[in-house]
C-alpha atoms as a PDB file:
ATOM      1  CA  UNK A   1     142.999 152.189  65.338  1.00  0.00           C
ATOM      2  CA  UNK A   2     141.997 152.195  61.273  1.00  0.00           C
ATOM      3  CA  UNK A   3     144.416 153.910  60.362  1.00  0.00           C
ATOM      4  CA  UNK A   4     146.946 152.271  63.030  1.00  0.00           C
ATOM      5  CA  UNK A   5     146.105 148.606  61.120  1.00  0.00           C
ATOM      6  CA  UNK A   6     146.572 149.939  57.350  1.00  0.00           C
ATOM      7  CA  UNK A   7     150.241 152.094  58.537  1.00  0.00           C
ATOM      8  CA  UNK A   8     153.501 149.865  57.292  1.00  0.00           C
ATOM      9  CA  UNK A   9     154.888 149.494  60.716  1.00  0.00           C
ATOM     10  CA  UNK A  10     157.960 148.525  58.951  1.00  0.00           C
ATOM     11  CA  UNK A  11     159.111 152.241  58.529  1.00  0.00           C
ATOM     12  CA  UNK A  12     158.239 152.850  62.250  1.00  0.00           C
ATOM     13  CA  UNK A  13     161.438 153.962  63.583  1.00  0.00           C
ATOM     14  CA  UNK A  14     162.111 152.140  67.240  1.00  0.00           C
ATOM     15  CA  UNK A  15     160.229 154.510  69.370  1.00  0.00           C
ATOM     16  CA  UNK A  16     157.141 154.087  66.910  1.00  0.00           C
ATOM     17  CA  UNK A  17     157.326 150.732  67.792  1.00  0.00           C
ATOM     18  CA  UNK A  18     157.761 151.132  71.649  1.00  0.00           C
ATOM     19  CA  UNK A  19     155.501 153.860  71.493  1.00  0.00           C
ATOM     20  CA  UNK A  20     152.922 151.457  69.710  1.00  0.00           C
ATOM     21  CA  UNK A  21     153.165 148.745  72.101  1.00  0.00           C
ATOM     22  CA  UNK A  22     152.737 151.134  74.934  1.00  0.00           C
ATOM     23  CA  UNK A  23     149.885 152.702  73.949  1.00  0.00           C
ATOM     24  CA  UNK A  24     148.187 149.456  72.762  1.00  0.00           C
ATOM     25  CA  UNK A  25     148.328 148.537  76.303  1.00  0.00           C
ATOM     26  CA  UNK A  26     146.934 151.408  77.382  1.00  0.00           C
ATOM     27  CA  UNK A  27     143.380 150.932  75.196  1.00  0.00           C
ATOM     28  CA  UNK A  28     143.578 147.545  76.108  1.00  0.00           C
ATOM     29  CA  UNK A  29     142.895 148.847  79.861  1.00  0.00           C
ATOM     30  CA  UNK A  30     140.728 151.176  79.392  1.00  0.00           C
ATOM     31  CA  UNK A  31     138.705 149.255  77.175  1.00  0.00           C
ATOM     32  CA  UNK A  32     138.784 146.354  79.715  1.00  0.00           C
ATOM     33  CA  UNK A  33     137.259 149.411  82.033  1.00  0.00           C
ATOM     34  CA  UNK A  34     134.643 150.435  79.810  1.00  0.00           C
ATOM     35  CA  UNK A  35     132.986 147.493  79.697  1.00  0.00           C
ATOM     36  CA  UNK A  36     132.738 146.940  83.389  1.00  0.00           C
ATOM     37  CA  UNK A  37     131.310 149.920  83.342  1.00  0.00           C
ATOM     38  CA  UNK A  38     128.545 148.918  80.704  1.00  0.00           C
ATOM     39  CA  UNK A  39     128.697 144.930  82.456  1.00  0.00           C
ATOM     40  CA  UNK A  40     127.188 147.064  85.212  1.00  0.00           C
ATOM     41  CA  UNK A  41     124.724 148.815  83.442  1.00  0.00           C
ATOM     42  CA  UNK A  42     123.821 146.454  81.799  1.00  0.00           C
ATOM     43  CA  UNK A  43     123.005 143.882  85.039  1.00  0.00           C
ATOM     44  CA  UNK A  44     121.381 147.025  86.411  1.00  0.00           C
ATOM     45  CA  UNK A  45     119.139 147.896  83.452  1.00  0.00           C
ATOM     46  CA  UNK A  46     118.006 144.229  83.386  1.00  0.00           C
ATOM     47  CA  UNK A  47     119.575 143.970  79.733  1.00  0.00           C
ATOM     48  CA  UNK A  48     119.927 140.479  78.985  1.00  0.00           C
ATOM     49  CA  UNK A  49     115.849 139.785  80.120  1.00  0.00           C
ATOM     50  CA  UNK A  50     115.023 142.651  77.834  1.00  0.00           C
ATOM     51  CA  UNK A  51     116.820 140.737  74.933  1.00  0.00           C
ATOM     52  CA  UNK A  52     114.739 137.353  75.721  1.00  0.00           C
ATOM     53  CA  UNK A  53     117.788 135.933  77.259  1.00  0.00           C
ATOM     54  CA  UNK A  54     118.266 133.902  80.059  1.00  0.00           C
ATOM     55  CA  UNK A  55     120.515 135.861  81.755  1.00  0.00           C
ATOM     56  CA  UNK A  56     123.773 138.362  81.151  1.00  0.00           C
ATOM     57  CA  UNK A  57     126.790 135.670  80.806  1.00  0.00           C
ATOM     58  CA  UNK A  58     123.922 133.916  78.267  1.00  0.00           C
ATOM     59  CA  UNK A  59     123.745 136.776  76.180  1.00  0.00           C
ATOM     60  CA  UNK A  60     127.927 137.211  75.874  1.00  0.00           C
ATOM     61  CA  UNK A  61     127.802 133.437  75.410  1.00  0.00           C
ATOM     62  CA  UNK A  62     125.872 133.919  72.472  1.00  0.00           C
ATOM     63  CA  UNK A  63     127.094 137.331  70.902  1.00  0.00           C
ATOM     64  CA  UNK A  64     130.229 138.233  72.277  1.00  0.00           C
ATOM     65  CA  UNK A  65     131.605 134.219  71.621  1.00  0.00           C
ATOM     66  CA  UNK A  66     132.803 133.383  75.057  1.00  0.00           C
ATOM     67  CA  UNK A  67     132.090 131.078  77.736  1.00  0.00           C
ATOM     68  CA  UNK A  68     130.014 131.376  80.226  1.00  0.00           C
ATOM     69  CA  UNK A  69     132.798 130.896  82.534  1.00  0.00           C
ATOM     70  CA  UNK A  70     134.946 133.154  81.040  1.00  0.00           C
ATOM     71  CA  UNK A  71     131.515 135.949  80.912  1.00  0.00           C
ATOM     72  CA  UNK A  72     130.822 135.445  84.751  1.00  0.00           C
ATOM     73  CA  UNK A  73     134.573 136.320  85.000  1.00  0.00           C
ATOM     74  CA  UNK A  74     133.935 139.354  83.314  1.00  0.00           C
ATOM     75  CA  UNK A  75     131.055 139.951  84.833  1.00  0.00           C
ATOM     76  CA  UNK A  76     132.555 139.743  88.586  1.00  0.00           C
ATOM     77  CA  UNK A  77     135.793 141.664  87.846  1.00  0.00           C
ATOM     78  CA  UNK A  78     133.641 145.215  86.733  1.00  0.00           C
ATOM     79  CA  UNK A  79     131.492 144.547  90.154  1.00  0.00           C
ATOM     80  CA  UNK A  80     134.743 144.242  92.439  1.00  0.00           C
ATOM     81  CA  UNK A  81     136.369 146.674  89.739  1.00  0.00           C
ATOM     82  CA  UNK A  82     133.145 149.787  88.835  1.00  0.00           C
ATOM     83  CA  UNK A  83     130.727 149.486  92.086  1.00  0.00           C
ATOM     84  CA  UNK A  84     132.614 147.295  94.291  1.00  0.00           C
ATOM     85  CA  UNK A  85     135.935 147.766  96.686  1.00  0.00           C
ATOM     86  CA  UNK A  86     138.452 147.551  94.758  1.00  0.00           C
ATOM     87  CA  UNK A  87     137.587 150.593  92.746  1.00  0.00           C
ATOM     88  CA  UNK A  88     140.857 152.026  92.732  1.00  0.00           C
ATOM     89  CA  UNK A  89     142.440 148.900  90.214  1.00  0.00           C
ATOM     90  CA  UNK A  90     138.798 149.903  87.862  1.00  0.00           C
ATOM     91  CA  UNK A  91     140.236 153.717  87.362  1.00  0.00           C
ATOM     92  CA  UNK A  92     144.038 152.273  87.310  1.00  0.00           C
ATOM     93  CA  UNK A  93     142.617 150.229  84.350  1.00  0.00           C
ATOM     94  CA  UNK A  94     140.405 153.023  83.516  1.00  0.00           C
ATOM     95  CA  UNK A  95     143.803 155.606  83.209  1.00  0.00           C
ATOM     96  CA  UNK A  96     145.911 153.247  81.338  1.00  0.00           C
ATOM     97  CA  UNK A  97     148.424 152.094  84.537  1.00  0.00           C
ATOM     98  CA  UNK A  98     147.363 148.778  85.268  1.00  0.00           C
ATOM     99  CA  UNK A  99     147.337 145.987  82.531  1.00  0.00           C
ATOM    100  CA  UNK A 100     143.737 143.649  82.330  1.00  0.00           C
ATOM    101  CA  UNK A 101     146.199 140.638  83.367  1.00  0.00           C
ATOM    102  CA  UNK A 102     147.905 142.347  86.215  1.00  0.00           C
ATOM    103  CA  UNK A 103     144.354 143.418  87.719  1.00  0.00           C
ATOM    104  CA  UNK A 104     143.023 140.333  87.623  1.00  0.00           C
ATOM    105  CA  UNK A 105     145.392 139.517  89.886  1.00  0.00           C
ATOM    106  CA  UNK A 106     144.629 141.576  92.201  1.00  0.00           C
ATOM    107  CA  UNK A 107     141.469 141.461  92.762  1.00  0.00           C
ATOM    108  CA  UNK A 108     141.533 137.615  92.693  1.00  0.00           C
ATOM    109  CA  UNK A 109     144.174 137.907  95.127  1.00  0.00           C
ATOM    110  CA  UNK A 110     142.488 140.755  97.363  1.00  0.00           C
ATOM    111  CA  UNK A 111     139.256 138.604  96.830  1.00  0.00           C
ATOM    112  CA  UNK A 112     140.838 136.481  98.917  1.00  0.00           C
ATOM    113  CA  UNK A 113     141.525 138.086 102.007  1.00  0.00           C
ATOM    114  CA  UNK A 114     139.321 137.344 104.821  1.00  0.00           C
ATOM    115  CA  UNK A 115     136.327 138.214 105.148  1.00  0.00           C
ATOM    116  CA  UNK A 116     135.970 140.564 108.402  1.00  0.00           C
ATOM    117  CA  UNK A 117     139.735 142.100 107.873  1.00  0.00           C
ATOM    118  CA  UNK A 118     138.858 145.579 108.214  1.00  0.00           C
ATOM    119  CA  UNK A 119     138.764 147.496 105.320  1.00  0.00           C
ATOM    120  CA  UNK A 120     141.396 149.318 105.600  1.00  0.00           C
ATOM    121  CA  UNK A 121     144.114 146.873 106.111  1.00  0.00           C
ATOM    122  CA  UNK A 122     142.122 145.453 102.457  1.00  0.00           C
ATOM    123  CA  UNK A 123     142.780 149.348 100.993  1.00  0.00           C
ATOM    124  CA  UNK A 124     146.128 149.211 102.368  1.00  0.00           C
ATOM    125  CA  UNK A 125     146.512 145.616 100.704  1.00  0.00           C
ATOM    126  CA  UNK A 126     144.827 147.370  97.202  1.00  0.00           C
ATOM    127  CA  UNK A 127     147.363 150.109  97.331  1.00  0.00           C
ATOM    128  CA  UNK A 128     150.255 148.140  98.194  1.00  0.00           C
ATOM    129  CA  UNK A 129     149.701 145.689  94.859  1.00  0.00           C
ATOM    130  CA  UNK A 130     148.723 148.409  92.722  1.00  0.00           C
ATOM    131  CA  UNK A 131     152.155 149.905  93.847  1.00  0.00           C
ATOM    132  CA  UNK A 132     153.820 146.456  92.624  1.00  0.00           C
ATOM    133  CA  UNK A 133     152.003 145.960  89.519  1.00  0.00           C
ATOM    134  CA  UNK A 134     153.820 149.494  88.348  1.00  0.00           C
ATOM    135  CA  UNK A 135     157.105 146.367  88.027  1.00  0.00           C
ATOM    136  CA  UNK A 136     155.842 143.101  88.238  1.00  0.00           C
ATOM    137  CA  UNK A 137     154.310 140.647  86.231  1.00  0.00           C
ATOM    138  CA  UNK A 138     151.204 138.403  86.594  1.00  0.00           C
ATOM    139  CA  UNK A 139     153.038 135.461  88.648  1.00  0.00           C
ATOM    140  CA  UNK A 140     155.001 137.657  90.338  1.00  0.00           C
ATOM    141  CA  UNK A 141     152.345 139.451  91.764  1.00  0.00           C
ATOM    142  CA  UNK A 142     149.918 136.509  92.616  1.00  0.00           C
ATOM    143  CA  UNK A 143     153.134 135.976  94.769  1.00  0.00           C
ATOM    144  CA  UNK A 144     152.881 139.054  96.287  1.00  0.00           C
ATOM    145  CA  UNK A 145     149.377 138.637  97.491  1.00  0.00           C
ATOM    146  CA  UNK A 146     149.851 135.238  99.345  1.00  0.00           C
ATOM    147  CA  UNK A 147     152.658 137.076 100.579  1.00  0.00           C
ATOM    148  CA  UNK A 148     151.052 140.548 102.040  1.00  0.00           C
ATOM    149  CA  UNK A 149     148.089 138.092 102.841  1.00  0.00           C
ATOM    150  CA  UNK A 150     150.410 136.402 105.313  1.00  0.00           C
ATOM    151  CA  UNK A 151     151.418 139.702 106.620  1.00  0.00           C
ATOM    152  CA  UNK A 152     148.075 140.781 107.066  1.00  0.00           C
ATOM    153  CA  UNK A 153     146.273 137.532 108.317  1.00  0.00           C
ATOM    154  CA  UNK A 154     149.053 135.516 109.727  1.00  0.00           C
ATOM    155  CA  UNK A 155     146.755 132.969 108.968  1.00  0.00           C
ATOM    156  CA  UNK A 156     148.128 129.653 107.280  1.00  0.00           C
ATOM    157  CA  UNK A 157     145.462 128.303 104.348  1.00  0.00           C
ATOM    158  CA  UNK A 158     147.659 125.180 102.844  1.00  0.00           C
ATOM    159  CA  UNK A 159     146.636 121.984 102.638  1.00  0.00           C
ATOM    160  CA  UNK A 160     147.170 120.807 106.410  1.00  0.00           C
ATOM    161  CA  UNK A 161     148.115 124.070 107.556  1.00  0.00           C
ATOM    162  CA  UNK A 162     148.637 124.322 110.935  1.00  0.00           C
ATOM    163  CA  UNK A 163     147.464 126.830 113.275  1.00  0.00           C
ATOM    164  CA  UNK A 164     148.062 127.021 117.050  1.00  0.00           C
ATOM    165  CA  UNK A 165     145.114 129.318 117.596  1.00  0.00           C
ATOM    166  CA  UNK A 166     142.675 126.071 116.182  1.00  0.00           C
ATOM    167  CA  UNK A 167     142.476 122.868 114.553  1.00  0.00           C
ATOM    168  CA  UNK A 168     141.564 123.476 111.074  1.00  0.00           C
ATOM    169  CA  UNK A 169     143.249 121.535 108.516  1.00  0.00           C
ATOM    170  CA  UNK A 170     142.831 124.727 106.655  1.00  0.00           C
ATOM    171  CA  UNK A 171     144.142 127.248 109.117  1.00  0.00           C
ATOM    172  CA  UNK A 172     140.571 128.862 108.460  1.00  0.00           C
ATOM    173  CA  UNK A 173     139.077 129.603 111.796  1.00  0.00           C
ATOM    174  CA  UNK A 174     137.950 132.121 114.234  1.00  0.00           C
ATOM    175  CA  UNK A 175     140.174 135.091 116.142  1.00  0.00           C
ATOM    176  CA  UNK A 176     143.030 135.131 114.197  1.00  0.00           C
ATOM    177  CA  UNK A 177     146.004 137.420 114.547  1.00  0.00           C
ATOM    178  CA  UNK A 178     145.797 141.319 113.039  1.00  0.00           C
ATOM    179  CA  UNK A 179     148.390 143.588 112.328  1.00  0.00           C
ATOM    180  CA  UNK A 180     150.374 144.610 115.290  1.00  0.00           C
ATOM    181  CA  UNK A 181     149.391 142.028 118.027  1.00  0.00           C
ATOM    182  CA  UNK A 182     151.091 139.194 119.593  1.00  0.00           C
ATOM    183  CA  UNK A 183     149.962 136.271 120.214  1.00  0.00           C
ATOM    184  CA  UNK A 184     150.568 134.429 123.681  1.00  0.00           C
ATOM    185  CA  UNK A 185     154.413 132.728 123.192  1.00  0.00           C
ATOM    186  CA  UNK A 186     155.707 134.975 121.161  1.00  0.00           C
ATOM    187  CA  UNK A 187     158.504 136.261 123.406  1.00  0.00           C
ATOM    188  CA  UNK A 188     159.590 138.868 125.305  1.00  0.00           C
ATOM    189  CA  UNK A 189     157.491 137.961 128.960  1.00  0.00           C
ATOM    190  CA  UNK A 190     155.070 139.633 130.614  1.00  0.00           C
ATOM    191  CA  UNK A 191     155.037 142.221 132.604  1.00  0.00           C
ATOM    192  CA  UNK A 192     155.881 140.406 135.851  1.00  0.00           C
ATOM    193  CA  UNK A 193     159.279 139.773 133.595  1.00  0.00           C
ATOM    194  CA  UNK A 194     158.734 136.069 133.250  1.00  0.00           C
ATOM    195  CA  UNK A 195     161.320 134.631 131.376  1.00  0.00           C
ATOM    196  CA  UNK A 196     162.078 134.339 127.488  1.00  0.00           C
ATOM    197  CA  UNK A 197     161.781 131.550 125.228  1.00  0.00           C
ATOM    198  CA  UNK A 198     163.875 131.453 122.803  1.00  0.00           C
ATOM    199  CA  UNK A 199     161.680 128.878 120.902  1.00  0.00           C
ATOM    200  CA  UNK A 200     159.276 131.236 121.079  1.00  0.00           C
ATOM    201  CA  UNK A 201     160.458 133.509 117.929  1.00  0.00           C
ATOM    202  CA  UNK A 202     159.811 130.377 115.583  1.00  0.00           C
ATOM    203  CA  UNK A 203     157.652 130.130 113.376  1.00  0.00           C
ATOM    204  CA  UNK A 204     156.689 128.193 109.700  1.00  0.00           C
ATOM    205  CA  UNK A 205     153.971 128.997 107.301  1.00  0.00           C
ATOM    206  CA  UNK A 206     153.192 127.796 103.906  1.00  0.00           C
ATOM    207  CA  UNK A 207     150.855 129.615 101.403  1.00  0.00           C
ATOM    208  CA  UNK A 208     150.039 127.953  97.921  1.00  0.00           C
ATOM    209  CA  UNK A 209     149.761 130.702  94.824  1.00  0.00           C
ATOM    210  CA  UNK A 210     147.031 130.601  92.004  1.00  0.00           C
ATOM    211  CA  UNK A 211     149.658 128.744  90.077  1.00  0.00           C
ATOM    212  CA  UNK A 212     150.482 126.050  91.451  1.00  0.00           C
ATOM    213  CA  UNK A 213     153.436 127.369  93.249  1.00  0.00           C
ATOM    214  CA  UNK A 214     153.731 127.341  97.185  1.00  0.00           C
ATOM    215  CA  UNK A 215     155.420 130.203  99.274  1.00  0.00           C
ATOM    216  CA  UNK A 216     157.300 129.498 102.378  1.00  0.00           C
ATOM    217  CA  UNK A 217     157.909 131.564 105.135  1.00  0.00           C
ATOM    218  CA  UNK A 218     159.400 131.419 108.738  1.00  0.00           C
ATOM    219  CA  UNK A 219     161.385 132.446 111.418  1.00  0.00           C
ATOM    220  CA  UNK A 220     163.809 130.654 113.589  1.00  0.00           C
ATOM    221  CA  UNK A 221     166.104 131.148 116.899  1.00  0.00           C
ATOM    222  CA  UNK A 222     169.840 131.166 116.379  1.00  0.00           C
ATOM    223  CA  UNK A 223     169.707 127.336 117.708  1.00  0.00           C
ATOM    224  CA  UNK A 224     166.859 126.343 115.281  1.00  0.00           C
ATOM    225  CA  UNK A 225     168.445 128.138 112.151  1.00  0.00           C
ATOM    226  CA  UNK A 226     172.083 126.393 113.274  1.00  0.00           C
ATOM    227  CA  UNK A 227     171.023 122.955 112.754  1.00  0.00           C
ATOM    228  CA  UNK A 228     168.880 124.033 109.725  1.00  0.00           C
ATOM    229  CA  UNK A 229     172.280 125.171 108.565  1.00  0.00           C
ATOM    230  CA  UNK A 230     174.328 122.529 109.229  1.00  0.00           C
ATOM    231  CA  UNK A 231     171.704 120.005 108.033  1.00  0.00           C
ATOM    232  CA  UNK A 232     171.573 121.781 104.499  1.00  0.00           C
ATOM    233  CA  UNK A 233     175.043 122.484 104.141  1.00  0.00           C
ATOM    234  CA  UNK A 234     176.213 119.178 102.824  1.00  0.00           C
ATOM    235  CA  UNK A 235     173.688 119.020 100.988  1.00  0.00           C
ATOM    236  CA  UNK A 236     173.470 121.778  98.840  1.00  0.00           C
ATOM    237  CA  UNK A 237     177.383 122.331  97.505  1.00  0.00           C
ATOM    238  CA  UNK A 238     177.652 122.954  93.946  1.00  0.00           C
ATOM    239  CA  UNK A 239     176.833 119.312  92.274  1.00  0.00           C
ATOM    240  CA  UNK A 240     179.231 119.419  88.328  1.00  0.00           C
ATOM    241  CA  UNK A 241     178.222 116.653  86.059  1.00  0.00           C
ATOM    242  CA  UNK A 242     180.016 113.676  85.298  1.00  0.00           C
ATOM    243  CA  UNK A 243     181.013 115.338  82.579  1.00  0.00           C
ATOM    244  CA  UNK A 244     182.823 118.493  84.658  1.00  0.00           C
ATOM    245  CA  UNK A 245     180.260 121.288  83.507  1.00  0.00           C
ATOM    246  CA  UNK A 246     179.323 123.312  86.642  1.00  0.00           C
ATOM    247  CA  UNK A 247     175.851 123.975  88.114  1.00  0.00           C
ATOM    248  CA  UNK A 248     174.045 126.443  86.602  1.00  0.00           C
ATOM    249  CA  UNK A 249     171.993 126.513  89.826  1.00  0.00           C
ATOM    250  CA  UNK A 250     171.694 129.741  91.991  1.00  0.00           C
ATOM    251  CA  UNK A 251     172.521 129.549  95.725  1.00  0.00           C
ATOM    252  CA  UNK A 252     168.240 130.171  96.804  1.00  0.00           C
ATOM    253  CA  UNK A 253     167.598 127.001  94.173  1.00  0.00           C
ATOM    254  CA  UNK A 254     170.366 124.924  95.675  1.00  0.00           C
ATOM    255  CA  UNK A 255     169.236 125.279  99.416  1.00  0.00           C
ATOM    256  CA  UNK A 256     165.630 124.618  98.334  1.00  0.00           C
ATOM    257  CA  UNK A 257     166.363 121.437  96.427  1.00  0.00           C
ATOM    258  CA  UNK A 258     168.443 120.584  99.515  1.00  0.00           C
ATOM    259  CA  UNK A 259     165.143 121.151 101.653  1.00  0.00           C
ATOM    260  CA  UNK A 260     163.849 118.460  99.895  1.00  0.00           C
ATOM    261  CA  UNK A 261     166.626 115.812  99.661  1.00  0.00           C
ATOM    262  CA  UNK A 262     166.239 116.269 103.359  1.00  0.00           C
ATOM    263  CA  UNK A 263     162.670 116.338 104.212  1.00  0.00           C
ATOM    264  CA  UNK A 264     163.163 112.509 101.259  1.00  0.00           C
ATOM    265  CA  UNK A 265     166.157 111.502 103.543  1.00  0.00           C
ATOM    266  CA  UNK A 266     163.775 111.876 107.201  1.00  0.00           C
ATOM    267  CA  UNK A 267     160.501 110.148 105.522  1.00  0.00           C
ATOM    268  CA  UNK A 268     162.831 106.595 104.011  1.00  0.00           C
ATOM    269  CA  UNK A 269     165.202 106.363 107.342  1.00  0.00           C
ATOM    270  CA  UNK A 270     161.670 106.310 109.139  1.00  0.00           C
ATOM    271  CA  UNK A 271     163.033 108.982 111.212  1.00  0.00           C
ATOM    272  CA  UNK A 272     159.203 110.974 111.596  1.00  0.00           C
ATOM    273  CA  UNK A 273     156.304 109.773 113.650  1.00  0.00           C
ATOM    274  CA  UNK A 274     154.390 107.418 111.676  1.00  0.00           C
ATOM    275  CA  UNK A 275     151.159 109.357 111.439  1.00  0.00           C
ATOM    276  CA  UNK A 276     151.221 111.351 107.876  1.00  0.00           C
ATOM    277  CA  UNK A 277     154.968 110.609 108.157  1.00  0.00           C
ATOM    278  CA  UNK A 278     156.584 108.307 107.035  1.00  0.00           C
ATOM    279  CA  UNK A 279     156.355 106.612 103.102  1.00  0.00           C
ATOM    280  CA  UNK A 280     155.375 103.032 102.670  1.00  0.00           C
ATOM    281  CA  UNK A 281     157.759 100.783 103.118  1.00  0.00           C
ATOM    282  CA  UNK A 282     158.235  97.376 102.376  1.00  0.00           C
ATOM    283  CA  UNK A 283     159.797  94.475 104.131  1.00  0.00           C
ATOM    284  CA  UNK A 284     160.426  91.124 101.861  1.00  0.00           C
ATOM    285  CA  UNK A 285     161.065  87.804 103.917  1.00  0.00           C
ATOM    286  CA  UNK A 286     162.318  84.682 101.581  1.00  0.00           C
ATOM    287  CA  UNK A 287     163.281  81.695 102.143  1.00  0.00           C
ATOM    288  CA  UNK A 288     167.124  80.817 101.934  1.00  0.00           C
ATOM    289  CA  UNK A 289     166.455  78.168  99.537  1.00  0.00           C
ATOM    290  CA  UNK A 290     165.204  80.816  97.332  1.00  0.00           C
ATOM    291  CA  UNK A 291     167.775  83.124  97.248  1.00  0.00           C
ATOM    292  CA  UNK A 292     170.445  81.112  97.016  1.00  0.00           C
ATOM    293  CA  UNK A 293     169.198  79.411  94.055  1.00  0.00           C
ATOM    294  CA  UNK A 294     169.666  83.269  92.748  1.00  0.00           C
ATOM    295  CA  UNK A 295     173.168  83.977  93.665  1.00  0.00           C
ATOM    296  CA  UNK A 296     174.645  80.008  93.594  1.00  0.00           C
ATOM    297  CA  UNK A 297     177.580  80.117  96.062  1.00  0.00           C
ATOM    298  CA  UNK A 298     177.912  83.666  96.395  1.00  0.00           C
ATOM    299  CA  UNK A 299     176.416  84.465 100.085  1.00  0.00           C
ATOM    300  CA  UNK A 300     176.660  80.179 101.371  1.00  0.00           C
ATOM    301  CA  UNK A 301     174.165  79.693 104.778  1.00  0.00           C
ATOM    302  CA  UNK A 302     175.385  80.207 107.808  1.00  0.00           C
ATOM    303  CA  UNK A 303     174.727  77.398 110.672  1.00  0.00           C
ATOM    304  CA  UNK A 304     172.120  78.827 111.756  1.00  0.00           C
ATOM    305  CA  UNK A 305     170.681  80.142 108.426  1.00  0.00           C
ATOM    306  CA  UNK A 306     170.140  76.453 107.089  1.00  0.00           C
ATOM    307  CA  UNK A 307     166.092  75.542 106.192  1.00  0.00           C
ATOM    308  CA  UNK A 308     165.596  79.249 108.142  1.00  0.00           C
ATOM    309  CA  UNK A 309     163.750  82.669 106.402  1.00  0.00           C
ATOM    310  CA  UNK A 310     165.577  85.675 105.455  1.00  0.00           C
ATOM    311  CA  UNK A 311     164.533  89.105 105.426  1.00  0.00           C
ATOM    312  CA  UNK A 312     166.114  91.056 102.974  1.00  0.00           C
ATOM    313  CA  UNK A 313     166.595  94.834 103.974  1.00  0.00           C
ATOM    314  CA  UNK A 314     163.688  97.564 103.132  1.00  0.00           C
ATOM    315  CA  UNK A 315     163.376  99.123 100.060  1.00  0.00           C
END
């Protein structure tokens, strides 16, 4: 490393630059793996107490220039990847195959899986994310982790999540669906040949990501999909600016904007149930004389308006 830092990098070829960048990334991964092993050993032998520190995070704060929160995160990562359930992530770090940021994203996503999920499902999720980490960055991995959780658990854990199996705002509940199972009402009929409800395929889930966005996943029958497409078509058309500059939004972005606009219009029109849906409205009643004083001769009062109040349309 000392030789590398003292080397005149301007003399390097493009191949040299690429090799150094990739090599330093792999080295950074191995440094995290090595530190994790030492942190686990330090915790096991009571290292911090032997030095007079209150605990291991306190020692790290004093000697490694770390905040306590960062120290605790590093210790948790070490436990999970060295002696805990996510050792495959730790091995990928030690091999230099997995970047430190991607490793943290994978572990954070795996920690959010339900505690009662079978270990086989957790291992499958870990393997899928390790494979995806070869071509995804940290943010993409976070979103992928949410998608995996949705596929494995069928749980909508966003605020206001409404799972049909439980009356809970978080969507967390006992008896969650397991991979490969069907809930009642999923369609397909029973052994007696009960008629299939085409609406039974409908589902919609919201999953919040660590980056502050929300992933929306769902399925509609043909009728529902047709209604939604019809509602969005007029709102998702390209909208050039006033000076004629073309709309640079992608079709997917235009559809997302249209869905938000549709929700705005529905709430403003007071067409949804008032419980938890309608945005506030204000009705103002102004006397005709007061209103006429501000709009002289523009709207003379009718024979039934003189001296009465006039209701101004809702804002």
